[in-house]
Amino acid sequence: MRLDYVMADVFTDTALAGNQLAVFEEGDAVPVELMRALAREIGFSETVYVGGGDHILFAGVDGVLEA
């Protein structure tokens, strides 16, 4: 399975000075266990999966912060 994602630099006006965030735009195609594994592998403080009008936000590797 190929999954494309965007790395965003958020909460800043200065490049490379903010919080790193991974955004998967086709997140509705990703099973929750794979979401958790990808968030752990990427290692950012937050990873977002967007799709179908919804989103799931993983904070760290501990699990779902917001759905």
PDB file of N, CA and C in Angstrom:
ATOM      1  N   MET A   1       0.847  -1.181   0.000  1.00  0.00           N
ATOM      2  CA  MET A   1       0.000   0.000   0.000  1.00  0.00           C
ATOM      3  C   MET A   1       0.889   1.239   0.000  1.00  0.00           C
ATOM      4  N   ARG A   2       0.660   2.120  -0.933  1.00  0.00           N
ATOM      5  CA  ARG A   2       1.401   3.380  -1.001  1.00  0.00           C
ATOM      6  C   ARG A   2       0.560   4.472  -0.360  1.00  0.00           C
ATOM      7  N   LEU A   3       1.169   5.192   0.565  1.00  0.00           N
ATOM      8  CA  LEU A   3       0.486   6.286   1.254  1.00  0.00           C
ATOM      9  C   LEU A   3       1.327   7.548   1.144  1.00  0.00           C
ATOM     10  N   ASP A   4       0.786   8.563   0.517  1.00  0.00           N
ATOM     11  CA  ASP A   4       1.475   9.847   0.417  1.00  0.00           C
ATOM     12  C   ASP A   4       1.079  10.716   1.597  1.00  0.00           C
ATOM     13  N   TYR A   5       2.034  11.513   2.065  1.00  0.00           N
ATOM     14  CA  TYR A   5       1.739  12.445   3.150  1.00  0.00           C
ATOM     15  C   TYR A   5       2.543  13.717   2.975  1.00  0.00           C
ATOM     16  N   VAL A   6       2.101  14.754   3.665  1.00  0.00           N
ATOM     17  CA  VAL A   6       2.751  16.060   3.623  1.00  0.00           C
ATOM     18  C   VAL A   6       3.345  16.326   4.997  1.00  0.00           C
ATOM     19  N   MET A   7       4.566  16.841   5.011  1.00  0.00           N
ATOM     20  CA  MET A   7       5.172  17.299   6.262  1.00  0.00           C
ATOM     21  C   MET A   7       4.936  18.805   6.342  1.00  0.00           C
ATOM     22  N   ALA A   8       4.270  19.232   7.400  1.00  0.00           N
ATOM     23  CA  ALA A   8       3.966  20.652   7.571  1.00  0.00           C
ATOM     24  C   ALA A   8       4.723  21.212   8.770  1.00  0.00           C
ATOM     25  N   ASP A   9       5.058  22.476   8.695  1.00  0.00           N
ATOM     26  CA  ASP A   9       5.720  23.202   9.776  1.00  0.00           C
ATOM     27  C   ASP A   9       4.677  24.195  10.299  1.00  0.00           C
ATOM     28  N   VAL A  10       4.080  23.901  11.458  1.00  0.00           N
ATOM     29  CA  VAL A  10       2.930  24.663  11.942  1.00  0.00           C
ATOM     30  C   VAL A  10       3.255  25.492  13.179  1.00  0.00           C
ATOM     31  N   PHE A  11       2.376  26.431  13.488  1.00  0.00           N
ATOM     32  CA  PHE A  11       2.482  27.318  14.660  1.00  0.00           C
ATOM     33  C   PHE A  11       3.693  28.240  14.595  1.00  0.00           C
ATOM     34  N   THR A  12       4.018  28.698  13.389  1.00  0.00           N
ATOM     35  CA  THR A  12       5.142  29.621  13.226  1.00  0.00           C
ATOM     36  C   THR A  12       4.983  30.431  11.946  1.00  0.00           C
ATOM     37  N   ASP A  13       5.622  31.572  11.909  1.00  0.00           N
ATOM     38  CA  ASP A  13       5.722  32.362  10.687  1.00  0.00           C
ATOM     39  C   ASP A  13       7.106  32.218  10.069  1.00  0.00           C
ATOM     40  N   THR A  14       7.995  31.500  10.757  1.00  0.00           N
ATOM     41  CA  THR A  14       9.370  31.321  10.320  1.00  0.00           C
ATOM     42  C   THR A  14       9.583  29.879   9.872  1.00  0.00           C
ATOM     43  N   ALA A  15      10.112  29.713   8.670  1.00  0.00           N
ATOM     44  CA  ALA A  15      10.356  28.369   8.145  1.00  0.00           C
ATOM     45  C   ALA A  15      11.271  27.575   9.073  1.00  0.00           C
ATOM     46  N   LEU A  16      10.924  26.321   9.275  1.00  0.00           N
ATOM     47  CA  LEU A  16      11.720  25.366  10.061  1.00  0.00           C
ATOM     48  C   LEU A  16      11.817  25.737  11.540  1.00  0.00           C
ATOM     49  N   ALA A  17      10.869  26.519  12.036  1.00  0.00           N
ATOM     50  CA  ALA A  17      10.919  26.932  13.434  1.00  0.00           C
ATOM     51  C   ALA A  17       9.695  26.481  14.229  1.00  0.00           C
ATOM     52  N   GLY A  18       8.770  25.793  13.568  1.00  0.00           N
ATOM     53  CA  GLY A  18       7.526  25.420  14.244  1.00  0.00           C
ATOM     54  C   GLY A  18       7.485  23.957  14.658  1.00  0.00           C
ATOM     55  N   ASN A  19       6.281  23.474  14.802  1.00  0.00           N
ATOM     56  CA  ASN A  19       6.031  22.090  15.169  1.00  0.00           C
ATOM     57  C   ASN A  19       5.861  21.267  13.892  1.00  0.00           C
ATOM     58  N   GLN A  20       6.545  20.134  13.796  1.00  0.00           N
ATOM     59  CA  GLN A  20       6.397  19.266  12.634  1.00  0.00           C
ATOM     60  C   GLN A  20       5.090  18.502  12.745  1.00  0.00           C
ATOM     61  N   LEU A  21       4.417  18.358  11.611  1.00  0.00           N
ATOM     62  CA  LEU A  21       3.139  17.668  11.566  1.00  0.00           C
ATOM     63  C   LEU A  21       3.076  16.866  10.276  1.00  0.00           C
ATOM     64  N   ALA A  22       2.715  15.589  10.363  1.00  0.00           N
ATOM     65  CA  ALA A  22       2.507  14.761   9.178  1.00  0.00           C
ATOM     66  C   ALA A  22       1.013  14.720   8.884  1.00  0.00           C
ATOM     67  N   VAL A  23       0.643  14.940   7.614  1.00  0.00           N
ATOM     68  CA  VAL A  23      -0.759  14.950   7.214  1.00  0.00           C
ATOM     69  C   VAL A  23      -0.954  13.941   6.084  1.00  0.00           C
ATOM     70  N   PHE A  24      -1.769  12.924   6.336  1.00  0.00           N
ATOM     71  CA  PHE A  24      -2.152  11.946   5.321  1.00  0.00           C
ATOM     72  C   PHE A  24      -3.509  12.374   4.785  1.00  0.00           C
ATOM     73  N   GLU A  25      -3.564  12.773   3.499  1.00  0.00           N
ATOM     74  CA  GLU A  25      -4.793  13.325   2.936  1.00  0.00           C
ATOM     75  C   GLU A  25      -5.817  12.261   2.582  1.00  0.00           C
ATOM     76  N   GLU A  26      -5.416  11.002   2.437  1.00  0.00           N
ATOM     77  CA  GLU A  26      -6.350   9.912   2.138  1.00  0.00           C
ATOM     78  C   GLU A  26      -6.435   8.990   3.351  1.00  0.00           C
ATOM     79  N   GLY A  27      -6.593   9.582   4.507  1.00  0.00           N
ATOM     80  CA  GLY A  27      -6.572   8.846   5.758  1.00  0.00           C
ATOM     81  C   GLY A  27      -7.711   7.877   5.946  1.00  0.00           C
ATOM     82  N   ASP A  28      -8.825   8.085   5.239  1.00  0.00           N
ATOM     83  CA  ASP A  28      -9.950   7.168   5.398  1.00  0.00           C
ATOM     84  C   ASP A  28      -9.634   5.780   4.849  1.00  0.00           C
ATOM     85  N   ALA A  29      -8.543   5.644   4.090  1.00  0.00           N
ATOM     86  CA  ALA A  29      -8.141   4.346   3.547  1.00  0.00           C
ATOM     87  C   ALA A  29      -7.167   3.608   4.470  1.00  0.00           C
ATOM     88  N   VAL A  30      -6.816   4.222   5.597  1.00  0.00           N
ATOM     89  CA  VAL A  30      -5.793   3.655   6.485  1.00  0.00           C
ATOM     90  C   VAL A  30      -6.459   3.051   7.731  1.00  0.00           C
ATOM     91  N   PRO A  31      -6.240   1.745   7.980  1.00  0.00           N
ATOM     92  CA  PRO A  31      -6.772   1.141   9.207  1.00  0.00           C
ATOM     93  C   PRO A  31      -6.146   1.772  10.454  1.00  0.00           C
ATOM     94  N   VAL A  32      -6.886   1.817  11.548  1.00  0.00           N
ATOM     95  CA  VAL A  32      -6.432   2.492  12.765  1.00  0.00           C
ATOM     96  C   VAL A  32      -5.113   1.928  13.278  1.00  0.00           C
ATOM     97  N   GLU A  33      -4.929   0.630  13.246  1.00  0.00           N
ATOM     98  CA  GLU A  33      -3.658   0.053  13.728  1.00  0.00           C
ATOM     99  C   GLU A  33      -2.483   0.512  12.866  1.00  0.00           C
ATOM    100  N   LEU A  34      -2.694   0.657  11.560  1.00  0.00           N
ATOM    101  CA  LEU A  34      -1.638   1.164  10.680  1.00  0.00           C
ATOM    102  C   LEU A  34      -1.393   2.643  10.954  1.00  0.00           C
ATOM    103  N   MET A  35      -2.454   3.398  11.251  1.00  0.00           N
ATOM    104  CA  MET A  35      -2.283   4.804  11.629  1.00  0.00           C
ATOM    105  C   MET A  35      -1.353   4.917  12.826  1.00  0.00           C
ATOM    106  N   ARG A  36      -1.609   4.095  13.819  1.00  0.00           N
ATOM    107  CA  ARG A  36      -0.796   4.106  15.041  1.00  0.00           C
ATOM    108  C   ARG A  36       0.663   3.759  14.718  1.00  0.00           C
ATOM    109  N   ALA A  37       0.876   2.741  13.889  1.00  0.00           N
ATOM    110  CA  ALA A  37       2.228   2.315  13.525  1.00  0.00           C
ATOM    111  C   ALA A  37       2.950   3.392  12.715  1.00  0.00           C
ATOM    112  N   LEU A  38       2.245   4.043  11.798  1.00  0.00           N
ATOM    113  CA  LEU A  38       2.856   5.116  11.006  1.00  0.00           C
ATOM    114  C   LEU A  38       3.234   6.300  11.885  1.00  0.00           C
ATOM    115  N   ALA A  39       2.349   6.679  12.809  1.00  0.00           N
ATOM    116  CA  ALA A  39       2.653   7.784  13.720  1.00  0.00           C
ATOM    117  C   ALA A  39       3.896   7.465  14.541  1.00  0.00           C
ATOM    118  N   ARG A  40       4.012   6.230  14.996  1.00  0.00           N
ATOM    119  CA  ARG A  40       5.180   5.814  15.778  1.00  0.00           C
ATOM    120  C   ARG A  40       6.456   5.884  14.926  1.00  0.00           C
ATOM    121  N   GLU A  41       6.368   5.412  13.682  1.00  0.00           N
ATOM    122  CA  GLU A  41       7.526   5.391  12.788  1.00  0.00           C
ATOM    123  C   GLU A  41       7.979   6.799  12.410  1.00  0.00           C
ATOM    124  N   ILE A  42       7.027   7.681  12.108  1.00  0.00           N
ATOM    125  CA  ILE A  42       7.367   9.057  11.725  1.00  0.00           C
ATOM    126  C   ILE A  42       7.972   9.798  12.909  1.00  0.00           C
ATOM    127  N   GLY A  43       7.404   9.604  14.084  1.00  0.00           N
ATOM    128  CA  GLY A  43       7.986  10.159  15.301  1.00  0.00           C
ATOM    129  C   GLY A  43       7.715  11.628  15.580  1.00  0.00           C
ATOM    130  N   PHE A  44       6.812  12.255  14.834  1.00  0.00           N
ATOM    131  CA  PHE A  44       6.458  13.644  15.116  1.00  0.00           C
ATOM    132  C   PHE A  44       5.541  13.695  16.327  1.00  0.00           C
ATOM    133  N   SER A  45       5.371  14.879  16.895  1.00  0.00           N
ATOM    134  CA  SER A  45       4.484  14.997  18.050  1.00  0.00           C
ATOM    135  C   SER A  45       3.023  14.797  17.652  1.00  0.00           C
ATOM    136  N   GLU A  46       2.688  15.053  16.380  1.00  0.00           N
ATOM    137  CA  GLU A  46       1.317  14.867  15.911  1.00  0.00           C
ATOM    138  C   GLU A  46       1.300  14.363  14.476  1.00  0.00           C
ATOM    139  N   THR A  47       0.359  13.480  14.192  1.00  0.00           N
ATOM    140  CA  THR A  47       0.125  12.968  12.845  1.00  0.00           C
ATOM    141  C   THR A  47      -1.377  13.018  12.601  1.00  0.00           C
ATOM    142  N   VAL A  48      -1.791  13.564  11.450  1.00  0.00           N
ATOM    143  CA  VAL A  48      -3.212  13.725  11.145  1.00  0.00           C
ATOM    144  C   VAL A  48      -3.567  12.895   9.918  1.00  0.00           C
ATOM    145  N   TYR A  49      -4.715  12.216  10.018  1.00  0.00           N
ATOM    146  CA  TYR A  49      -5.266  11.442   8.909  1.00  0.00           C
ATOM    147  C   TYR A  49      -6.596  12.083   8.543  1.00  0.00           C
ATOM    148  N   VAL A  50      -6.716  12.575   7.292  1.00  0.00           N
ATOM    149  CA  VAL A  50      -7.896  13.293   6.834  1.00  0.00           C
ATOM    150  C   VAL A  50      -8.548  12.481   5.717  1.00  0.00           C
ATOM    151  N   GLY A  51      -9.872  12.469   5.696  1.00  0.00           N
ATOM    152  CA  GLY A  51     -10.562  11.803   4.597  1.00  0.00           C
ATOM    153  C   GLY A  51     -12.037  11.658   4.870  1.00  0.00           C
ATOM    154  N   GLY A  52     -12.814  11.727   3.826  1.00  0.00           N
ATOM    155  CA  GLY A  52     -14.242  11.545   3.948  1.00  0.00           C
ATOM    156  C   GLY A  52     -14.927  12.586   4.810  1.00  0.00           C
ATOM    157  N   GLY A  53     -14.344  13.786   4.917  1.00  0.00           N
ATOM    158  CA  GLY A  53     -14.938  14.839   5.720  1.00  0.00           C
ATOM    159  C   GLY A  53     -14.591  14.755   7.194  1.00  0.00           C
ATOM    160  N   ASP A  54     -13.833  13.742   7.594  1.00  0.00           N
ATOM    161  CA  ASP A  54     -13.437  13.560   8.989  1.00  0.00           C
ATOM    162  C   ASP A  54     -11.921  13.643   9.117  1.00  0.00           C
ATOM    163  N   HIS A  55     -11.454  13.653  10.361  1.00  0.00           N
ATOM    164  CA  HIS A  55     -10.025  13.584  10.612  1.00  0.00           C
ATOM    165  C   HIS A  55      -9.767  12.857  11.919  1.00  0.00           C
ATOM    166  N   ILE A  56      -8.594  12.257  11.993  1.00  0.00           N
ATOM    167  CA  ILE A  56      -8.123  11.626  13.229  1.00  0.00           C
ATOM    168  C   ILE A  56      -6.745  12.190  13.510  1.00  0.00           C
ATOM    169  N   LEU A  57      -6.542  12.659  14.724  1.00  0.00           N
ATOM    170  CA  LEU A  57      -5.265  13.243  15.130  1.00  0.00           C
ATOM    171  C   LEU A  57      -4.605  12.349  16.167  1.00  0.00           C
ATOM    172  N   PHE A  58      -3.407  11.851  15.839  1.00  0.00           N
ATOM    173  CA  PHE A  58      -2.615  11.090  16.793  1.00  0.00           C
ATOM    174  C   PHE A  58      -1.606  12.035  17.416  1.00  0.00           C
ATOM    175  N   ALA A  59      -1.588  12.107  18.724  1.00  0.00           N
ATOM    176  CA  ALA A  59      -0.604  12.909  19.444  1.00  0.00           C
ATOM    177  C   ALA A  59       0.476  11.956  19.925  1.00  0.00           C
ATOM    178  N   GLY A  60       1.674  12.131  19.392  1.00  0.00           N
ATOM    179  CA  GLY A  60       2.751  11.211  19.721  1.00  0.00           C
ATOM    180  C   GLY A  60       2.403   9.818  19.249  1.00  0.00           C
ATOM    181  N   VAL A  61       2.755   8.826  20.002  1.00  0.00           N
ATOM    182  CA  VAL A  61       2.431   7.444  19.632  1.00  0.00           C
ATOM    183  C   VAL A  61       1.441   6.833  20.600  1.00  0.00           C
ATOM    184  N   ASP A  62       0.912   7.649  21.524  1.00  0.00           N
ATOM    185  CA  ASP A  62       0.009   7.125  22.542  1.00  0.00           C
ATOM    186  C   ASP A  62      -1.395   6.850  22.034  1.00  0.00           C
ATOM    187  N   GLY A  63      -1.766   7.432  20.921  1.00  0.00           N
ATOM    188  CA  GLY A  63      -3.083   7.140  20.398  1.00  0.00           C
ATOM    189  C   GLY A  63      -3.841   8.352  19.956  1.00  0.00           C
ATOM    190  N   VAL A  64      -5.130   8.160  19.819  1.00  0.00           N
ATOM    191  CA  VAL A  64      -6.007   9.181  19.257  1.00  0.00           C
ATOM    192  C   VAL A  64      -6.213  10.315  20.252  1.00  0.00           C
ATOM    193  N   LEU A  65      -5.924  11.514  19.816  1.00  0.00           N
ATOM    194  CA  LEU A  65      -6.185  12.700  20.614  1.00  0.00           C
ATOM    195  C   LEU A  65      -7.568  13.254  20.307  1.00  0.00           C
ATOM    196  N   GLU A  66      -7.905  13.241  19.031  1.00  0.00           N
ATOM    197  CA  GLU A  66      -9.156  13.840  18.576  1.00  0.00           C
ATOM    198  C   GLU A  66      -9.644  13.081  17.357  1.00  0.00           C
ATOM    199  N   ALA A  67     -10.920  12.835  17.278  1.00  0.00           N
ATOM    200  CA  ALA A  67     -11.474  12.150  16.102  1.00  0.00           C
ATOM    201  C   ALA A  67     -12.709  12.887  15.616  1.00  0.00           C
TER     202      ALA A  67
END
